[in-house]
């Protein structure tokens, strides 16, 4: 992946979940938050409720492949977390690519306004 590294720390995931915006589909939710760097960081979260290890790893593999194919169209400088919902075992790479192309990239290109802390 050219402009991407892996999001590994729990702090990064929680920042995306709590402060970031999201784009959702029936079987997939994607959270994103600006990270103020010159590259994107991608993380994938799949619960045990989704299925066994084979199903969870298959989803991660398909998600990474779909992201890799559309990586050049993403804006730079975001933490991106893909979270699976129940039933994601039916998804194919084309389904995830369609979600990325039609919904996610469009919503990420809108201006991002950070919420100000209340004093």
PDB file of N, CA and C in Angstrom:
ATOM      1  N   UNK A   1       0.847  -1.169   0.000  1.00  0.00           N
ATOM      2  CA  UNK A   1       0.000   0.000   0.000  1.00  0.00           C
ATOM      3  C   UNK A   1       0.895   1.236   0.000  1.00  0.00           C
ATOM      4  N   UNK A   2       0.663   2.092  -0.952  1.00  0.00           N
ATOM      5  CA  UNK A   2       1.546   3.227  -1.181  1.00  0.00           C
ATOM      6  C   UNK A   2       1.489   4.288  -0.092  1.00  0.00           C
ATOM      7  N   UNK A   3       0.304   4.770   0.226  1.00  0.00           N
ATOM      8  CA  UNK A   3       0.157   5.903   1.140  1.00  0.00           C
ATOM      9  C   UNK A   3      -0.450   5.458   2.464  1.00  0.00           C
ATOM     10  N   UNK A   4      -0.259   4.228   2.850  1.00  0.00           N
ATOM     11  CA  UNK A   4      -0.984   3.689   3.987  1.00  0.00           C
ATOM     12  C   UNK A   4      -0.070   2.885   4.903  1.00  0.00           C
ATOM     13  N   UNK A   5      -0.330   3.007   6.199  1.00  0.00           N
ATOM     14  CA  UNK A   5       0.291   2.125   7.177  1.00  0.00           C
ATOM     15  C   UNK A   5      -0.836   1.491   7.982  1.00  0.00           C
ATOM     16  N   UNK A   6      -0.482   0.625   8.910  1.00  0.00           N
ATOM     17  CA  UNK A   6      -1.478  -0.118   9.669  1.00  0.00           C
ATOM     18  C   UNK A   6      -1.749   0.596  10.994  1.00  0.00           C
ATOM     19  N   UNK A   7      -3.001   0.716  11.327  1.00  0.00           N
ATOM     20  CA  UNK A   7      -3.423   1.285  12.609  1.00  0.00           C
ATOM     21  C   UNK A   7      -3.497   0.143  13.602  1.00  0.00           C
ATOM     22  N   UNK A   8      -2.611   0.155  14.606  1.00  0.00           N
ATOM     23  CA  UNK A   8      -2.520  -0.977  15.520  1.00  0.00           C
ATOM     24  C   UNK A   8      -2.955  -0.655  16.934  1.00  0.00           C
ATOM     25  N   UNK A   9      -2.716   0.573  17.385  1.00  0.00           N
ATOM     26  CA  UNK A   9      -2.949   0.891  18.788  1.00  0.00           C
ATOM     27  C   UNK A   9      -4.423   1.141  19.091  1.00  0.00           C
ATOM     28  N   UNK A  10      -4.837   0.734  20.270  1.00  0.00           N
ATOM     29  CA  UNK A  10      -6.227   0.877  20.699  1.00  0.00           C
ATOM     30  C   UNK A  10      -6.641   2.342  20.753  1.00  0.00           C
ATOM     31  N   UNK A  11      -5.706   3.207  21.094  1.00  0.00           N
ATOM     32  CA  UNK A  11      -5.979   4.641  21.182  1.00  0.00           C
ATOM     33  C   UNK A  11      -6.460   5.194  19.834  1.00  0.00           C
ATOM     34  N   UNK A  12      -5.836   4.766  18.754  1.00  0.00           N
ATOM     35  CA  UNK A  12      -6.235   5.202  17.414  1.00  0.00           C
ATOM     36  C   UNK A  12      -7.627   4.720  17.038  1.00  0.00           C
ATOM     37  N   UNK A  13      -7.934   3.475  17.385  1.00  0.00           N
ATOM     38  CA  UNK A  13      -9.260   2.930  17.116  1.00  0.00           C
ATOM     39  C   UNK A  13     -10.325   3.708  17.884  1.00  0.00           C
ATOM     40  N   UNK A  14     -10.072   3.925  19.181  1.00  0.00           N
ATOM     41  CA  UNK A  14     -11.052   4.628  20.009  1.00  0.00           C
ATOM     42  C   UNK A  14     -11.259   6.066  19.547  1.00  0.00           C
ATOM     43  N   UNK A  15     -10.191   6.727  19.096  1.00  0.00           N
ATOM     44  CA  UNK A  15     -10.319   8.086  18.582  1.00  0.00           C
ATOM     45  C   UNK A  15     -11.241   8.109  17.364  1.00  0.00           C
ATOM     46  N   UNK A  16     -11.095   7.141  16.481  1.00  0.00           N
ATOM     47  CA  UNK A  16     -11.973   7.060  15.307  1.00  0.00           C
ATOM     48  C   UNK A  16     -13.419   6.803  15.713  1.00  0.00           C
ATOM     49  N   UNK A  17     -13.628   5.884  16.636  1.00  0.00           N
ATOM     50  CA  UNK A  17     -14.975   5.531  17.061  1.00  0.00           C
ATOM     51  C   UNK A  17     -15.667   6.693  17.770  1.00  0.00           C
ATOM     52  N   UNK A  18     -14.943   7.408  18.621  1.00  0.00           N
ATOM     53  CA  UNK A  18     -15.570   8.439  19.453  1.00  0.00           C
ATOM     54  C   UNK A  18     -15.647   9.805  18.796  1.00  0.00           C
ATOM     55  N   UNK A  19     -14.567  10.220  18.138  1.00  0.00           N
ATOM     56  CA  UNK A  19     -14.508  11.579  17.610  1.00  0.00           C
ATOM     57  C   UNK A  19     -14.720  11.658  16.107  1.00  0.00           C
ATOM     58  N   UNK A  20     -14.559  10.549  15.426  1.00  0.00           N
ATOM     59  CA  UNK A  20     -14.601  10.568  13.972  1.00  0.00           C
ATOM     60  C   UNK A  20     -16.007  10.521  13.414  1.00  0.00           C
ATOM     61  N   UNK A  21     -16.073  10.687  12.104  1.00  0.00           N
ATOM     62  CA  UNK A  21     -17.333  10.526  11.379  1.00  0.00           C
ATOM     63  C   UNK A  21     -17.402   9.102  10.862  1.00  0.00           C
ATOM     64  N   UNK A  22     -18.586   8.726  10.405  1.00  0.00           N
ATOM     65  CA  UNK A  22     -18.726   7.364   9.903  1.00  0.00           C
ATOM     66  C   UNK A  22     -19.612   7.336   8.671  1.00  0.00           C
ATOM     67  N   UNK A  23     -19.470   6.253   7.950  1.00  0.00           N
ATOM     68  CA  UNK A  23     -20.277   5.963   6.773  1.00  0.00           C
ATOM     69  C   UNK A  23     -20.673   4.496   6.903  1.00  0.00           C
ATOM     70  N   UNK A  24     -21.956   4.218   6.783  1.00  0.00           N
ATOM     71  CA  UNK A  24     -22.429   2.859   7.070  1.00  0.00           C
ATOM     72  C   UNK A  24     -23.172   2.253   5.893  1.00  0.00           C
ATOM     73  N   UNK A  25     -23.131   0.954   5.863  1.00  0.00           N
ATOM     74  CA  UNK A  25     -23.850   0.133   4.913  1.00  0.00           C
ATOM     75  C   UNK A  25     -24.521  -0.968   5.736  1.00  0.00           C
ATOM     76  N   UNK A  26     -25.198  -1.875   5.082  1.00  0.00           N
ATOM     77  CA  UNK A  26     -25.912  -2.922   5.810  1.00  0.00           C
ATOM     78  C   UNK A  26     -24.969  -3.839   6.587  1.00  0.00           C
ATOM     79  N   UNK A  27     -23.825  -4.180   5.988  1.00  0.00           N
ATOM     80  CA  UNK A  27     -22.908  -5.130   6.611  1.00  0.00           C
ATOM     81  C   UNK A  27     -21.571  -4.521   7.018  1.00  0.00           C
ATOM     82  N   UNK A  28     -21.407  -3.219   6.825  1.00  0.00           N
ATOM     83  CA  UNK A  28     -20.105  -2.614   7.026  1.00  0.00           C
ATOM     84  C   UNK A  28     -20.251  -1.178   7.511  1.00  0.00           C
ATOM     85  N   UNK A  29     -19.413  -0.779   8.478  1.00  0.00           N
ATOM     86  CA  UNK A  29     -19.347   0.606   8.941  1.00  0.00           C
ATOM     87  C   UNK A  29     -17.897   1.045   8.825  1.00  0.00           C
ATOM     88  N   UNK A  30     -17.688   2.246   8.353  1.00  0.00           N
ATOM     89  CA  UNK A  30     -16.338   2.774   8.232  1.00  0.00           C
ATOM     90  C   UNK A  30     -16.257   4.094   8.982  1.00  0.00           C
ATOM     91  N   UNK A  31     -15.341   4.162   9.940  1.00  0.00           N
ATOM     92  CA  UNK A  31     -15.094   5.376  10.713  1.00  0.00           C
ATOM     93  C   UNK A  31     -13.821   6.023  10.188  1.00  0.00           C
ATOM     94  N   UNK A  32     -13.787   7.362  10.171  1.00  0.00           N
ATOM     95  CA  UNK A  32     -12.573   8.049   9.730  1.00  0.00           C
ATOM     96  C   UNK A  32     -12.379   9.320  10.538  1.00  0.00           C
ATOM     97  N   UNK A  33     -11.097   9.672  10.741  1.00  0.00           N
ATOM     98  CA  UNK A  33     -10.738  10.833  11.531  1.00  0.00           C
ATOM     99  C   UNK A  33      -9.381  11.342  11.026  1.00  0.00           C
ATOM    100  N   UNK A  34      -9.208  12.651  10.859  1.00  0.00           N
ATOM    101  CA  UNK A  34      -7.917  13.177  10.389  1.00  0.00           C
ATOM    102  C   UNK A  34      -6.794  12.878  11.386  1.00  0.00           C
ATOM    103  N   UNK A  35      -5.627  12.480  10.864  1.00  0.00           N
ATOM    104  CA  UNK A  35      -4.505  12.152  11.743  1.00  0.00           C
ATOM    105  C   UNK A  35      -3.335  13.120  11.609  1.00  0.00           C
ATOM    106  N   UNK A  36      -3.456  14.142  10.777  1.00  0.00           N
ATOM    107  CA  UNK A  36      -2.434  15.185  10.621  1.00  0.00           C
ATOM    108  C   UNK A  36      -1.064  14.627  10.227  1.00  0.00           C
ATOM    109  N   UNK A  37      -1.052  13.630   9.386  1.00  0.00           N
ATOM    110  CA  UNK A  37       0.190  13.094   8.839  1.00  0.00           C
ATOM    111  C   UNK A  37       0.081  13.081   7.317  1.00  0.00           C
ATOM    112  N   UNK A  38       1.144  12.675   6.669  1.00  0.00           N
ATOM    113  CA  UNK A  38       1.181  12.643   5.214  1.00  0.00           C
ATOM    114  C   UNK A  38       0.785  11.279   4.652  1.00  0.00           C
ATOM    115  N   UNK A  39       0.122  10.463   5.456  1.00  0.00           N
ATOM    116  CA  UNK A  39      -0.296   9.137   4.997  1.00  0.00           C
ATOM    117  C   UNK A  39      -1.551   8.722   5.752  1.00  0.00           C
ATOM    118  N   UNK A  40      -2.240   7.726   5.221  1.00  0.00           N
ATOM    119  CA  UNK A  40      -3.421   7.161   5.874  1.00  0.00           C
ATOM    120  C   UNK A  40      -2.996   5.982   6.741  1.00  0.00           C
ATOM    121  N   UNK A  41      -3.811   5.706   7.748  1.00  0.00           N
ATOM    122  CA  UNK A  41      -3.632   4.499   8.551  1.00  0.00           C
ATOM    123  C   UNK A  41      -4.954   3.757   8.511  1.00  0.00           C
ATOM    124  N   UNK A  42      -4.889   2.449   8.260  1.00  0.00           N
ATOM    125  CA  UNK A  42      -6.105   1.654   8.126  1.00  0.00           C
ATOM    126  C   UNK A  42      -6.133   0.574   9.207  1.00  0.00           C
ATOM    127  N   UNK A  43      -7.311   0.408   9.812  1.00  0.00           N
ATOM    128  CA  UNK A  43      -7.528  -0.638  10.788  1.00  0.00           C
ATOM    129  C   UNK A  43      -8.821  -1.369  10.464  1.00  0.00           C
ATOM    130  N   UNK A  44      -8.887  -2.643  10.816  1.00  0.00           N
ATOM    131  CA  UNK A  44     -10.075  -3.447  10.549  1.00  0.00           C
ATOM    132  C   UNK A  44     -10.494  -4.118  11.842  1.00  0.00           C
ATOM    133  N   UNK A  45     -11.763  -3.951  12.201  1.00  0.00           N
ATOM    134  CA  UNK A  45     -12.291  -4.502  13.439  1.00  0.00           C
ATOM    135  C   UNK A  45     -13.423  -5.474  13.119  1.00  0.00           C
ATOM    136  N   UNK A  46     -13.262  -6.723  13.567  1.00  0.00           N
ATOM    137  CA  UNK A  46     -14.277  -7.744  13.333  1.00  0.00           C
ATOM    138  C   UNK A  46     -14.543  -8.476  14.639  1.00  0.00           C
ATOM    139  N   UNK A  47     -15.752  -8.432  15.113  1.00  0.00           N
ATOM    140  CA  UNK A  47     -16.127  -9.057  16.375  1.00  0.00           C
ATOM    141  C   UNK A  47     -16.290 -10.563  16.218  1.00  0.00           C
ATOM    142  N   UNK A  48     -16.212 -11.275  17.332  1.00  0.00           N
ATOM    143  CA  UNK A  48     -16.448 -12.720  17.310  1.00  0.00           C
ATOM    144  C   UNK A  48     -17.899 -13.046  16.996  1.00  0.00           C
ATOM    145  N   UNK A  49     -18.786 -12.078  17.172  1.00  0.00           N
ATOM    146  CA  UNK A  49     -20.201 -12.287  16.852  1.00  0.00           C
ATOM    147  C   UNK A  49     -20.418 -12.484  15.356  1.00  0.00           C
ATOM    148  N   UNK A  50     -19.482 -12.014  14.553  1.00  0.00           N
ATOM    149  CA  UNK A  50     -19.605 -12.114  13.097  1.00  0.00           C
ATOM    150  C   UNK A  50     -19.463 -13.550  12.631  1.00  0.00           C
ATOM    151  N   UNK A  51     -18.534 -14.289  13.233  1.00  0.00           N
ATOM    152  CA  UNK A  51     -18.326 -15.675  12.809  1.00  0.00           C
ATOM    153  C   UNK A  51     -17.045 -16.226  13.394  1.00  0.00           C
ATOM    154  N   UNK A  52     -16.668 -17.392  12.917  1.00  0.00           N
ATOM    155  CA  UNK A  52     -15.446 -18.010  13.423  1.00  0.00           C
ATOM    156  C   UNK A  52     -14.214 -17.341  12.802  1.00  0.00           C
ATOM    157  N   UNK A  53     -13.038 -17.815  13.137  1.00  0.00           N
ATOM    158  CA  UNK A  53     -11.788 -17.192  12.699  1.00  0.00           C
ATOM    159  C   UNK A  53     -11.660 -17.161  11.178  1.00  0.00           C
ATOM    160  N   UNK A  54     -12.151 -18.192  10.519  1.00  0.00           N
ATOM    161  CA  UNK A  54     -12.068 -18.245   9.055  1.00  0.00           C
ATOM    162  C   UNK A  54     -12.867 -17.104   8.442  1.00  0.00           C
ATOM    163  N   UNK A  55     -14.065 -16.872   8.929  1.00  0.00           N
ATOM    164  CA  UNK A  55     -14.931 -15.806   8.417  1.00  0.00           C
ATOM    165  C   UNK A  55     -14.322 -14.440   8.715  1.00  0.00           C
ATOM    166  N   UNK A  56     -13.812 -14.253   9.928  1.00  0.00           N
ATOM    167  CA  UNK A  56     -13.236 -12.962  10.314  1.00  0.00           C
ATOM    168  C   UNK A  56     -12.001 -12.639   9.488  1.00  0.00           C
ATOM    169  N   UNK A  57     -11.124 -13.607   9.296  1.00  0.00           N
ATOM    170  CA  UNK A  57      -9.914 -13.369   8.508  1.00  0.00           C
ATOM    171  C   UNK A  57     -10.225 -13.161   7.037  1.00  0.00           C
ATOM    172  N   UNK A  58     -11.232 -13.844   6.518  1.00  0.00           N
ATOM    173  CA  UNK A  58     -11.645 -13.645   5.131  1.00  0.00           C
ATOM    174  C   UNK A  58     -12.130 -12.220   4.925  1.00  0.00           C
ATOM    175  N   UNK A  59     -12.927 -11.698   5.879  1.00  0.00           N
ATOM    176  CA  UNK A  59     -13.411 -10.328   5.773  1.00  0.00           C
ATOM    177  C   UNK A  59     -12.244  -9.339   5.788  1.00  0.00           C
ATOM    178  N   UNK A  60     -11.285  -9.556   6.662  1.00  0.00           N
ATOM    179  CA  UNK A  60     -10.128  -8.661   6.733  1.00  0.00           C
ATOM    180  C   UNK A  60      -9.349  -8.664   5.422  1.00  0.00           C
ATOM    181  N   UNK A  61      -9.146  -9.854   4.869  1.00  0.00           N
ATOM    182  CA  UNK A  61      -8.411  -9.988   3.614  1.00  0.00           C
ATOM    183  C   UNK A  61      -9.125  -9.259   2.483  1.00  0.00           C
ATOM    184  N   UNK A  62     -10.444  -9.469   2.385  1.00  0.00           N
ATOM    185  CA  UNK A  62     -11.230  -8.838   1.322  1.00  0.00           C
ATOM    186  C   UNK A  62     -11.239  -7.324   1.494  1.00  0.00           C
ATOM    187  N   UNK A  63     -11.347  -6.867   2.713  1.00  0.00           N
ATOM    188  CA  UNK A  63     -11.382  -5.433   3.008  1.00  0.00           C
ATOM    189  C   UNK A  63     -10.060  -4.770   2.612  1.00  0.00           C
ATOM    190  N   UNK A  64      -8.946  -5.396   2.971  1.00  0.00           N
ATOM    191  CA  UNK A  64      -7.636  -4.852   2.610  1.00  0.00           C
ATOM    192  C   UNK A  64      -7.458  -4.808   1.096  1.00  0.00           C
ATOM    193  N   UNK A  65      -7.901  -5.849   0.410  1.00  0.00           N
ATOM    194  CA  UNK A  65      -7.764  -5.899  -1.048  1.00  0.00           C
ATOM    195  C   UNK A  65      -8.602  -4.809  -1.715  1.00  0.00           C
ATOM    196  N   UNK A  66      -9.822  -4.609  -1.238  1.00  0.00           N
ATOM    197  CA  UNK A  66     -10.689  -3.577  -1.817  1.00  0.00           C
ATOM    198  C   UNK A  66     -10.109  -2.189  -1.562  1.00  0.00           C
ATOM    199  N   UNK A  67      -9.579  -1.971  -0.373  1.00  0.00           N
ATOM    200  CA  UNK A  67      -8.951  -0.680  -0.063  1.00  0.00           C
ATOM    201  C   UNK A  67      -7.742  -0.454  -0.966  1.00  0.00           C
ATOM    202  N   UNK A  68      -6.922  -1.484  -1.131  1.00  0.00           N
ATOM    203  CA  UNK A  68      -5.710  -1.372  -1.943  1.00  0.00           C
ATOM    204  C   UNK A  68      -6.033  -0.982  -3.383  1.00  0.00           C
ATOM    205  N   UNK A  69      -7.135  -1.504  -3.922  1.00  0.00           N
ATOM    206  CA  UNK A  69      -7.504  -1.188  -5.296  1.00  0.00           C
ATOM    207  C   UNK A  69      -7.978   0.257  -5.459  1.00  0.00           C
ATOM    208  N   UNK A  70      -8.526   0.852  -4.418  1.00  0.00           N
ATOM    209  CA  UNK A  70      -9.054   2.222  -4.477  1.00  0.00           C
ATOM    210  C   UNK A  70      -8.206   3.214  -3.690  1.00  0.00           C
ATOM    211  N   UNK A  71      -7.023   2.804  -3.276  1.00  0.00           N
ATOM    212  CA  UNK A  71      -6.200   3.626  -2.395  1.00  0.00           C
ATOM    213  C   UNK A  71      -5.852   4.992  -2.984  1.00  0.00           C
ATOM    214  N   UNK A  72      -5.621   5.053  -4.266  1.00  0.00           N
ATOM    215  CA  UNK A  72      -5.221   6.319  -4.880  1.00  0.00           C
ATOM    216  C   UNK A  72      -6.339   7.363  -4.889  1.00  0.00           C
ATOM    217  N   UNK A  73      -7.574   6.974  -4.665  1.00  0.00           N
ATOM    218  CA  UNK A  73      -8.702   7.917  -4.672  1.00  0.00           C
ATOM    219  C   UNK A  73      -9.020   8.492  -3.289  1.00  0.00           C
ATOM    220  N   UNK A  74      -8.446   7.921  -2.236  1.00  0.00           N
ATOM    221  CA  UNK A  74      -8.699   8.395  -0.882  1.00  0.00           C
ATOM    222  C   UNK A  74      -7.953   9.693  -0.619  1.00  0.00           C
ATOM    223  N   UNK A  75      -8.551  10.613   0.148  1.00  0.00           N
ATOM    224  CA  UNK A  75      -7.792  11.782   0.591  1.00  0.00           C
ATOM    225  C   UNK A  75      -6.709  11.337   1.578  1.00  0.00           C
ATOM    226  N   UNK A  76      -5.611  12.045   1.618  1.00  0.00           N
ATOM    227  CA  UNK A  76      -4.466  11.673   2.447  1.00  0.00           C
ATOM    228  C   UNK A  76      -4.593  12.302   3.840  1.00  0.00           C
ATOM    229  N   UNK A  77      -4.153  11.581   4.857  1.00  0.00           N
ATOM    230  CA  UNK A  77      -4.091  12.111   6.206  1.00  0.00           C
ATOM    231  C   UNK A  77      -5.246  11.697   7.098  1.00  0.00           C
ATOM    232  N   UNK A  78      -5.728  10.474   6.958  1.00  0.00           N
ATOM    233  CA  UNK A  78      -6.859   9.993   7.755  1.00  0.00           C
ATOM    234  C   UNK A  78      -6.536   8.668   8.428  1.00  0.00           C
ATOM    235  N   UNK A  79      -7.128   8.464   9.596  1.00  0.00           N
ATOM    236  CA  UNK A  79      -7.211   7.137  10.206  1.00  0.00           C
ATOM    237  C   UNK A  79      -8.543   6.558   9.760  1.00  0.00           C
ATOM    238  N   UNK A  80      -8.524   5.358   9.200  1.00  0.00           N
ATOM    239  CA  UNK A  80      -9.730   4.734   8.660  1.00  0.00           C
ATOM    240  C   UNK A  80      -9.893   3.374   9.330  1.00  0.00           C
ATOM    241  N   UNK A  81     -11.079   3.142   9.909  1.00  0.00           N
ATOM    242  CA  UNK A  81     -11.357   1.869  10.565  1.00  0.00           C
ATOM    243  C   UNK A  81     -12.596   1.246   9.930  1.00  0.00           C
ATOM    244  N   UNK A  82     -12.437   0.048   9.395  1.00  0.00           N
ATOM    245  CA  UNK A  82     -13.554  -0.717   8.854  1.00  0.00           C
ATOM    246  C   UNK A  82     -14.052  -1.646   9.957  1.00  0.00           C
ATOM    247  N   UNK A  83     -15.349  -1.597  10.251  1.00  0.00           N
ATOM    248  CA  UNK A  83     -15.938  -2.460  11.271  1.00  0.00           C
ATOM    249  C   UNK A  83     -17.029  -3.309  10.619  1.00  0.00           C
ATOM    250  N   UNK A  84     -16.970  -4.604  10.842  1.00  0.00           N
ATOM    251  CA  UNK A  84     -17.912  -5.529  10.230  1.00  0.00           C
ATOM    252  C   UNK A  84     -19.161  -5.666  11.089  1.00  0.00           C
ATOM    253  N   UNK A  85     -20.273  -5.902  10.419  1.00  0.00           N
ATOM    254  CA  UNK A  85     -21.528  -6.218  11.101  1.00  0.00           C
ATOM    255  C   UNK A  85     -21.885  -7.664  10.793  1.00  0.00           C
ATOM    256  N   UNK A  86     -22.863  -8.186  11.522  1.00  0.00           N
ATOM    257  CA  UNK A  86     -23.308  -9.558  11.266  1.00  0.00           C
ATOM    258  C   UNK A  86     -23.769  -9.692   9.822  1.00  0.00           C
ATOM    259  N   UNK A  87     -23.449 -10.812   9.216  1.00  0.00           N
ATOM    260  CA  UNK A  87     -23.843 -11.067   7.838  1.00  0.00           C
ATOM    261  C   UNK A  87     -22.789 -10.664   6.830  1.00  0.00           C
ATOM    262  N   UNK A  88     -21.643 -10.176   7.298  1.00  0.00           N
ATOM    263  CA  UNK A  88     -20.607  -9.731   6.361  1.00  0.00           C
ATOM    264  C   UNK A  88     -19.938 -10.908   5.651  1.00  0.00           C
ATOM    265  N   UNK A  89     -20.213 -12.132   6.090  1.00  0.00           N
ATOM    266  CA  UNK A  89     -19.624 -13.295   5.434  1.00  0.00           C
ATOM    267  C   UNK A  89     -20.148 -13.473   4.017  1.00  0.00           C
ATOM    268  N   UNK A  90     -21.248 -12.808   3.681  1.00  0.00           N
ATOM    269  CA  UNK A  90     -21.814 -12.885   2.339  1.00  0.00           C
ATOM    270  C   UNK A  90     -21.181 -11.875   1.380  1.00  0.00           C
ATOM    271  N   UNK A  91     -20.404 -10.919   1.897  1.00  0.00           N
ATOM    272  CA  UNK A  91     -19.830  -9.871   1.066  1.00  0.00           C
ATOM    273  C   UNK A  91     -18.714 -10.399   0.175  1.00  0.00           C
ATOM    274  N   UNK A  92     -18.593  -9.760  -0.977  1.00  0.00           N
ATOM    275  CA  UNK A  92     -17.487 -10.046  -1.879  1.00  0.00           C
ATOM    276  C   UNK A  92     -16.629  -8.795  -1.995  1.00  0.00           C
ATOM    277  N   UNK A  93     -15.508  -8.930  -2.636  1.00  0.00           N
ATOM    278  CA  UNK A  93     -14.618  -7.791  -2.819  1.00  0.00           C
ATOM    279  C   UNK A  93     -15.298  -6.693  -3.643  1.00  0.00           C
ATOM    280  N   UNK A  94     -16.100  -7.076  -4.606  1.00  0.00           N
ATOM    281  CA  UNK A  94     -16.819  -6.095  -5.434  1.00  0.00           C
ATOM    282  C   UNK A  94     -17.812  -5.287  -4.609  1.00  0.00           C
ATOM    283  N   UNK A  95     -18.471  -5.934  -3.636  1.00  0.00           N
ATOM    284  CA  UNK A  95     -19.410  -5.217  -2.768  1.00  0.00           C
ATOM    285  C   UNK A  95     -18.696  -4.141  -1.953  1.00  0.00           C
ATOM    286  N   UNK A  96     -17.557  -4.501  -1.390  1.00  0.00           N
ATOM    287  CA  UNK A  96     -16.810  -3.548  -0.572  1.00  0.00           C
ATOM    288  C   UNK A  96     -16.216  -2.446  -1.443  1.00  0.00           C
ATOM    289  N   UNK A  97     -15.736  -2.798  -2.636  1.00  0.00           N
ATOM    290  CA  UNK A  97     -15.235  -1.779  -3.561  1.00  0.00           C
ATOM    291  C   UNK A  97     -16.333  -0.793  -3.935  1.00  0.00           C
ATOM    292  N   UNK A  98     -17.537  -1.300  -4.167  1.00  0.00           N
ATOM    293  CA  UNK A  98     -18.667  -0.425  -4.487  1.00  0.00           C
ATOM    294  C   UNK A  98     -18.997   0.512  -3.340  1.00  0.00           C
ATOM    295  N   UNK A  99     -18.970  -0.001  -2.107  1.00  0.00           N
ATOM    296  CA  UNK A  99     -19.212   0.828  -0.928  1.00  0.00           C
ATOM    297  C   UNK A  99     -18.155   1.921  -0.817  1.00  0.00           C
ATOM    298  N   UNK A 100     -16.897   1.559  -1.023  1.00  0.00           N
ATOM    299  CA  UNK A 100     -15.810   2.531  -0.936  1.00  0.00           C
ATOM    300  C   UNK A 100     -15.965   3.595  -2.009  1.00  0.00           C
ATOM    301  N   UNK A 101     -16.227   3.166  -3.232  1.00  0.00           N
ATOM    302  CA  UNK A 101     -16.302   4.092  -4.357  1.00  0.00           C
ATOM    303  C   UNK A 101     -17.513   5.014  -4.269  1.00  0.00           C
ATOM    304  N   UNK A 102     -18.674   4.471  -3.977  1.00  0.00           N
ATOM    305  CA  UNK A 102     -19.911   5.252  -4.037  1.00  0.00           C
ATOM    306  C   UNK A 102     -20.171   6.063  -2.788  1.00  0.00           C
ATOM    307  N   UNK A 103     -19.845   5.536  -1.613  1.00  0.00           N
ATOM    308  CA  UNK A 103     -20.250   6.206  -0.382  1.00  0.00           C
ATOM    309  C   UNK A 103     -19.094   6.762   0.429  1.00  0.00           C
ATOM    310  N   UNK A 104     -18.081   5.948   0.675  1.00  0.00           N
ATOM    311  CA  UNK A 104     -17.040   6.343   1.611  1.00  0.00           C
ATOM    312  C   UNK A 104     -16.184   7.498   1.090  1.00  0.00           C
ATOM    313  N   UNK A 105     -15.680   7.388  -0.110  1.00  0.00           N
ATOM    314  CA  UNK A 105     -14.810   8.440  -0.641  1.00  0.00           C
ATOM    315  C   UNK A 105     -15.569   9.756  -0.763  1.00  0.00           C
ATOM    316  N   UNK A 106     -16.829   9.686  -1.158  1.00  0.00           N
ATOM    317  CA  UNK A 106     -17.637  10.902  -1.244  1.00  0.00           C
ATOM    318  C   UNK A 106     -17.828  11.573   0.102  1.00  0.00           C
ATOM    319  N   UNK A 107     -18.078  10.786   1.133  1.00  0.00           N
ATOM    320  CA  UNK A 107     -18.283  11.387   2.453  1.00  0.00           C
ATOM    321  C   UNK A 107     -16.963  11.876   3.050  1.00  0.00           C
ATOM    322  N   UNK A 108     -15.838  11.246   2.709  1.00  0.00           N
ATOM    323  CA  UNK A 108     -14.546  11.705   3.222  1.00  0.00           C
ATOM    324  C   UNK A 108     -14.100  12.999   2.553  1.00  0.00           C
ATOM    325  N   UNK A 109     -14.538  13.261   1.345  1.00  0.00           N
ATOM    326  CA  UNK A 109     -14.140  14.473   0.645  1.00  0.00           C
ATOM    327  C   UNK A 109     -14.892  15.710   1.119  1.00  0.00           C
ATOM    328  N   UNK A 110     -15.939  15.520   1.907  1.00  0.00           N
ATOM    329  CA  UNK A 110     -16.625  16.675   2.494  1.00  0.00           C
ATOM    330  C   UNK A 110     -15.746  17.260   3.593  1.00  0.00           C
ATOM    331  N   UNK A 111     -15.888  18.554   3.873  1.00  0.00           N
ATOM    332  CA  UNK A 111     -15.051  19.160   4.921  1.00  0.00           C
ATOM    333  C   UNK A 111     -15.307  18.527   6.281  1.00  0.00           C
ATOM    334  N   UNK A 112     -14.248  18.327   7.027  1.00  0.00           N
ATOM    335  CA  UNK A 112     -14.338  17.709   8.352  1.00  0.00           C
ATOM    336  C   UNK A 112     -14.216  18.806   9.394  1.00  0.00           C
ATOM    337  N   UNK A 113     -15.236  18.949  10.225  1.00  0.00           N
ATOM    338  CA  UNK A 113     -15.205  19.941  11.290  1.00  0.00           C
ATOM    339  C   UNK A 113     -15.036  19.217  12.614  1.00  0.00           C
ATOM    340  N   UNK A 114     -13.990  19.560  13.320  1.00  0.00           N
ATOM    341  CA  UNK A 114     -13.764  18.941  14.629  1.00  0.00           C
ATOM    342  C   UNK A 114     -14.620  19.621  15.673  1.00  0.00           C
ATOM    343  N   UNK A 115     -15.138  18.825  16.585  1.00  0.00           N
ATOM    344  CA  UNK A 115     -15.950  19.357  17.662  1.00  0.00           C
ATOM    345  C   UNK A 115     -15.062  20.022  18.710  1.00  0.00           C
ATOM    346  N   UNK A 116     -15.502  21.153  19.192  1.00  0.00           N
ATOM    347  CA  UNK A 116     -14.737  21.859  20.217  1.00  0.00           C
ATOM    348  C   UNK A 116     -15.130  21.316  21.585  1.00  0.00           C
ATOM    349  N   UNK A 117     -14.151  21.244  22.477  1.00  0.00           N
ATOM    350  CA  UNK A 117     -14.403  20.755  23.821  1.00  0.00           C
ATOM    351  C   UNK A 117     -15.152  21.798  24.621  1.00  0.00           C
ATOM    352  N   UNK A 118     -16.080  21.349  25.433  1.00  0.00           N
ATOM    353  CA  UNK A 118     -16.820  22.244  26.322  1.00  0.00           C
ATOM    354  C   UNK A 118     -16.000  22.483  27.577  1.00  0.00           C
ATOM    355  N   UNK A 119     -16.003  23.721  28.029  1.00  0.00           N
ATOM    356  CA  UNK A 119     -15.245  24.051  29.236  1.00  0.00           C
ATOM    357  C   UNK A 119     -16.150  24.132  30.431  1.00  0.00           C
TER     358      UNK A 119
END
